[in-house]
Amino acid sequence: MIKRKNDGATEQWQYDAFISYRHTEPDSYVAQTLHKCLENFKLPRSVARQKEDGKTRIQRVFRDREELPLVSNLADPITEALEHSEYLIVICSPRLNESIWCRKEIETFIQMHDREHVLAVLVEGEPDDSFPEELLYREEEELQDDGSVIHKKVPVEPLAADVRGSSHREIRRKIKSELLRLAAPMFDCNYDDLRQRHKEQKTRKIILTSVSASVVCLLIGLVSTIMALKIQYQSRQIQQQSRQIEEGAQQIYEQSEVIAAQNRQVLDRITVSQAREAMTFLEEGDRLMGLAECALAYENWLPEVYTQEQAEDCPAQLTYALTELLYLYENGTQYKPDRSLEAQSTIRFTKISPEGGRLMAVGDSGELTVWQCLKDRTLASLKPEDMDLSWECQVGFLSENKILYPQKETLCVQELESGEVTSYPCTGYEGVVTIPEKESFLLVDMEGCCLVGADGEAQEKLLWEQMGGDWKIKGVKAGFESAYAAAEDGRILVALEVTRELAGTGSTDGDDSTEGKSVVVLEYGKDGAAGDSKEKPRVSLYPVEYEYIGGLCLEEGGYQQGADILYVTSNHSKETGYTVTSADMTSRLQAFDLSGQNQIWSFDTTGGWIYDVKFARKKGSCYLLCQKYGEALLLDRTDGSLIDTFSFGSEVVKIGSYIDTDYFMAFTRDGAWHYLHTGRMEDMVSTIFSDCTSDNVKEFVVGDGYCVTLPYGSNRVTVYRIAKGAGVNTFHEGEDTYRQARLNADGTYLAAARRDETNHTCVEMFDTAEKKLLWTYKGEDAYYAAMTFGDFDGDGTESLLLVTGEACHIIDPADGTVRRTVSFAGSFMDYLGIDQTNGVISVKDNHTLYGYRLADGTLLYEDSLADGMTAVCNNRPFYAVASEEMDTLLFYQMGEEECIMEPGCPQGIEAEYLEIMFFDEDDDDLYLVYKDGKVKIYFVNWDTNNDVFFCGVHGRYRDLSDKMIRYEEVEGASFGFLCGSSDAYQIDLRPENMYNKLSRIHGYLAYDSVSNTLYLHNGNEIYTSPLYSVEEIVEQAGQVLSESSYYWNYIEFVPYLLEEM
């Protein structure tokens, strides 16, 4: 930039202008906007051509926010910028006069340059208030007559641009308008001339744009004319082709609909296949992986855009798989597979924590893993150094939060939560006996043993060489499950298996006659180490004749004797060695009185090893159960005599006893839980555990609310838990087992039938809203048959009809008053059904069907029955007989002797294998239930004008958990309930899914469609549960999976697998 000075010289300017302003609004906004506008401003070409110096635009403007460098003294760069700026632009507002810096900048610039190069911009207020004094006045020297000089201020009118406005938008508009006023002096131009030239340039641009637009429009017009001619020429062809295209589009649309339907069918089949795959995961014990499979199946099946109705329309098989995997309708009476836990190698053995919350597993590779079973959480995973964990006695739980394991020449006690480890030295580690009740343990090594108390202090070691008398202790084995007892008086009893030889013999010729087995019992806290005392324990040695000890069991304060009892099982066979089952195997159970150190009795048996011993936990019980290979021996613990033998046909894995009862349990290798009823001396396979995932079980343990199975040769354990639906809540706790329940029309009353303590019929009526028992009916009728609600008087009054083997009673549901009783001809009639339309109840004995009118008890008909199962219609005067002789269905009208049989009636129905037969509530479907649980459904098409009909099979079920006895319809719903004596199935009635299972409901009683409430029972308790929609079921699955790492691993694995494929 070149500036012409008064002396005609030129100077190179660094800045075209310097903007001085207060850093407040709107001053800062005006400065910033003006800065951008000045640097973007260009002179009109007509003016630029006349400029001699060639300056056509403003190159650089100084504004402290943009140009000021980082220095410690701001005055220096500002003074330098003022000196090298051609013009000073002052942003004037009433706030400017308050700024010493701004006024200093003006004063400095005027001193360096002149006042003519100062430009003002009025932002706010009036000029007198906003312009600084330096701009409004200039000083002049006036020579006086006496020769003196007087300085006086002379008013001047500064060059100013007015950009005042009420908003930023208005200010920005005025800046653009006043920009020429500021630019004119900076370019040394006349303002009016510059404005006129700028206006002319703008006009020329408008004219040029208009001419260009006209030319373009002309060209477009020419092209349009040409195209119009072509369009006119082709219009007829287009119209003709459009009709062809529409026809083709319609064909394509119809084909696309067909393809879409086919794709949907394929997707449905894939979803069904995934649902079946998920059920196989459940059968294998991996419930969470099955849930993940179903979640993926539903996500893939669901359209990208869907309505709630579409979301509910997924295949029934997927809904059924989800409800089974979530146990939504389970009533808490069974153990079901919950999850699988996987170790790094084949698991050798497992151990359960004292309170049952944690599980320890030791693998073939020597690693030790501890899980929190019901929370999918690994608490510890380690591999001890220089130790092979081969025996259960080497590790254990000291408490719920502490484990013990060996490491080199030490025994480590580790806290699971913190990981803190405490070590105890040992020489030739043999094992450990944990006493969780005292939080103590007995450390056993080759030199001896010592007790470590709850305070972590180890007592003095008891050396093997100090005991045995004439016999030398050669080896010790610790860790039998029941080989310790914590007495109520504070004593601790521990039993160890020892191998001994006669001192001084040391035979090496193979003759082991000088060796023998014994059991050493250590008693702490009485005559031995008591409290913090360092005295040694009392030691007792009990010789055992047989060389293979199968188990040790200590009982504190034993049955009747009142003494501490030691039970020892030992086995012997010279020919077969360690074979556990053999005809020439001899086994012995011995009972020792520890107080007198003498044997009380012994029991001998042959044919296989005997192992563990359990005694009944009912006070005063004399029962003792001894575990044999494939049997359990029930003994009298007073004298050791054999009471009974339970044989299982499979290896016994574990035995146990139930609290406060005489009863025992046995779990066998084939996965069966046996309930041993000592009152009946009967082995009953327990229904509490019916879904074992393996028939080759090596170990079985029971924890706190769950149990675990370990198959042979597996690195996975399956965890089972008591299955109960998330929404299942207690409604009422009764006294005896409930058998059946019915709801009235609006769901306000629930009638539940059970048998009382005298085995007579008992009915309880509940107010469902208040969950309150209203009344109880107890009759003398010994045989309950059925009950239902209805209008049995024809006056609109709802009553409860209770049917027994002797009579039917019509009862007021409000107060339990018996309004009327209709007695039957016999005492043990079988209830067939009720025709509510005509008010007739049907019952039968062996060969006769009776029909009674409920209004007055009149016997309307008495029909002789053909051999076979009978079913009575609910709303028509007809019944069907499954004839065993003809193996077909025969239909009869009430009171008529001749049957009505059309060619459409089914043949070959296998009538001799029928269990029960019944109509649905509308009499449209006839259900045939067979003894193996199979169900066939026959559709009955009634012609009410001619009383003729035909049947055709259109549905069937297999693999049901219960034998079905009735069908319940739900008005207005797309499902019904197929009910058995205990379980019920929710049945899909949608046309494309007809008769598929939607869910299985364990302990089903009734369903209230008004409140969408299921009523279930688990024996003597009634529960309620909502009936879930598909979206709610999927949401439940998501909640379960979000708590497990299995889901995320599976979600990541599937896309990877698909990509690899």
Foldseek 3Di string as FASTA:
>chain_A
DWDQDPVRDIDQFPFQEEEFFDPDPPGVVLVVLLQVCQQPDFFQPVVQVPQPVNDTGGHHYDDCVPPPDDDPDRVVVLLVNLLRYQAYEYEWDLCQQVDPVRVVSLVSNCVNGNLLRYEYEYADDDCVNTPDPSNQWDWDWDQDPVGDIDIDIDGDDHHYQYQYDDDSVSSSVSCVVCVLSNVQVSSVHDSVVRVVSVVVVVVVVVVVVVVVVVVVVVVVVVVVVVVVVVCVVCVVVVVVVVVVVVVVVVVVVVVVVVVVVVVLVVLLVVLLVLLVVLVVCQLLLALLLSLLSLLVSLVVNQDPDDDPVSSQPHFLSSLASLCVSQLAFAALQAWGRPHKDFDPAAWQDKDAFPQFQKIWTAHQVQWIWIDRPPQQDTQDIGHAPPDRPRDPQQKDYLHPQWIWHDHVQWIWIAGRPPRDIDIDGHDAWAGKAHDNVQSKIWTQHQQFIWIQGPVRDTADGDGQCVDDVQKGWHDKHADFPAQWDQDPVGKIKGKIKTKIFGPPDPDDPPDCPRIFIKIKMWIDQDVAPNDPDRGGTDIAIGTDHADAKQGKHWDDLDAPVGAIKIKTKHKDDPPPPPDFFDQAIKMKIWIAGPVVRGTQEMDIDGGGGKHDKEAEQAPNDQWIWIATQQKIFIAGNNHGHTDDIGGHPFGWADKYYDHNDRWIWTAGQQGWIWTQDPVVRDTDGDPNYDSDSGGAWNHKADGDQWIWTRGPRRSMITIIGRRDRPFKDFLDFFDWFWFAWEADDQRQKIKIWDADPVQFIKIWIAGRVVSDTQDMDTDPQNFWADKYWDDLQPPPQIWIWTDGQFWIFTARRRHGHTPDIAGDPDRGWHWAEAQRQQQWTWTHDDFWIWIARSNPNDTDAIAGHAPFAKHAARHFQKIWGCHPVQRWIWMDGGRDHDTDDDPQTDHNNPGVQFDHWYAANRNQWIWTAGPQGKIWIWGWDADVVVRDTHIDTDDIDPDDPATFHYKADDPPDQWTWGDHSFKIFIAGNDPVNHGDTNYINGQWHDARPNVQWTWGDDIRTIIIGHDDRSVVSSVSSVVVSVSHPSSVVVVVVVVVVVVVD
